Protein backbone atom coordinates (compact mmCIF):
# COMPACT_ATOMS: atom_id res chain seq x y z
CA MET A 1 -204.47 192.68 87.16
CA ALA A 2 -203.99 192.51 90.91
CA ALA A 3 -206.82 193.38 93.26
CA GLY A 4 -206.89 197.07 94.09
CA THR A 5 -205.16 198.08 90.88
CA TYR A 6 -206.50 200.01 87.93
CA THR A 7 -205.42 200.95 84.43
CA THR A 8 -204.62 204.55 83.69
CA GLN A 9 -204.57 205.65 80.08
CA MET A 10 -203.42 208.75 78.30
CA SER A 11 -204.44 209.92 74.82
CA VAL A 12 -205.11 213.09 72.88
CA SER A 13 -208.65 214.41 73.29
CA ARG A 14 -210.53 214.53 69.99
CA TRP A 15 -212.31 217.67 71.19
CA THR A 16 -209.47 219.78 72.60
CA GLY A 17 -206.34 218.35 70.95
CA ARG A 18 -204.70 218.16 74.39
CA TRP A 19 -203.31 215.10 76.12
CA ARG A 20 -205.62 213.74 78.80
CA LEU A 21 -204.98 211.14 81.45
CA TYR A 22 -207.77 209.11 83.02
CA VAL A 23 -208.17 206.14 85.35
CA ALA A 24 -210.46 203.43 83.98
CA LEU A 25 -212.84 202.31 86.72
CA LEU A 26 -214.45 199.13 85.42
CA GLY A 27 -218.14 198.94 86.16
CA GLU A 28 -218.45 202.74 86.27
CA PRO A 29 -219.61 204.93 83.37
CA SER A 30 -216.61 206.58 81.68
CA SER A 31 -218.12 209.96 82.57
CA GLN A 32 -217.30 209.09 86.23
CA TRP A 33 -213.65 208.18 85.62
CA PRO A 34 -211.10 210.54 87.22
CA GLU A 35 -209.54 212.64 84.44
CA TYR A 36 -206.78 215.22 84.07
CA GLU A 37 -206.19 217.35 80.96
CA PHE A 38 -202.70 218.68 80.32
CA VAL A 39 -201.98 222.16 78.97
CA GLY A 40 -200.35 222.27 75.53
CA SER A 41 -199.93 219.63 72.85
CA VAL A 42 -196.50 218.21 73.79
CA VAL A 43 -196.50 214.64 75.14
CA PRO A 44 -196.40 215.01 78.96
CA THR A 45 -193.25 213.79 80.69
CA VAL A 46 -193.36 210.79 83.00
CA ALA A 47 -192.94 213.19 85.94
CA ALA A 48 -195.90 215.30 84.75
CA ARG A 49 -198.02 212.15 84.40
CA SER A 50 -197.09 211.12 87.94
CA ARG A 51 -198.09 214.55 89.29
CA ALA A 52 -201.41 214.32 87.41
CA LEU A 53 -202.10 210.90 88.91
CA ASN A 54 -201.30 212.23 92.39
CA THR A 55 -203.78 215.05 91.79
CA LEU A 56 -206.42 212.41 91.01
CA GLY A 57 -205.54 210.38 94.12
CA TYR A 58 -203.57 207.58 92.43
CA VAL A 59 -199.95 206.41 92.24
CA PHE A 60 -198.06 204.00 90.00
CA THR A 61 -197.79 200.43 91.24
CA ASP A 62 -194.28 199.13 91.93
CA GLY A 63 -192.52 198.45 88.64
CA ALA A 64 -195.25 200.06 86.51
CA GLU A 65 -194.16 201.07 83.03
CA TRP A 66 -196.00 202.94 80.34
CA THR A 67 -196.91 200.92 77.26
CA TRP A 68 -198.04 202.51 74.01
CA THR A 69 -200.73 201.19 71.67
CA GLU A 70 -201.58 202.44 68.20
CA ASP A 71 -205.22 202.73 67.16
CA SER A 72 -207.03 204.59 64.39
CA VAL A 73 -209.86 207.10 64.28
CA VAL A 74 -211.72 204.94 61.76
CA HIS A 75 -211.31 201.26 62.63
CA GLY A 76 -209.96 199.19 59.74
CA ASP A 77 -209.10 202.20 57.55
CA ALA A 78 -205.33 202.26 56.87
CA ALA A 79 -205.60 205.92 55.75
CA SER A 80 -207.27 206.97 59.02
CA PRO A 81 -205.35 209.25 61.40
CA VAL A 82 -203.46 207.33 64.09
CA LEU A 83 -204.34 207.57 67.78
CA LEU A 84 -201.63 206.80 70.35
CA ILE A 85 -202.79 205.48 73.72
CA ALA A 86 -200.45 205.02 76.66
CA SER A 87 -201.35 202.87 79.65
CA ALA A 88 -199.90 201.89 83.01
CA THR A 89 -201.04 200.17 86.19
CA VAL A 90 -201.93 202.33 89.20
CA ARG A 91 -203.47 202.03 92.64
CA GLU A 92 -205.21 204.47 94.94
CA ALA A 93 -202.80 206.62 96.93
CA GLY A 94 -202.45 205.68 100.58
CA PRO A 95 -203.27 207.98 103.50
């Protein structure tokens, strides 16, 4: 990853059932990561994700695309509910 860039991720909160977007700041406790929770349970559009990032002070890097990863609630259990995690590369918004 290029200097000055970060990974943003989006997943469904286990506690609220809503999609949440956060910027992973390596070296910082996850409780300090900027986070945005969407209203409703529908997957947020790319435009809505962009607005959320702007609210947090970040923008997509040039050419950034969302990638989706599949995980599970219980690691290694094929019967476990699936978690979908989206990620993209972002940078801090300029002045």
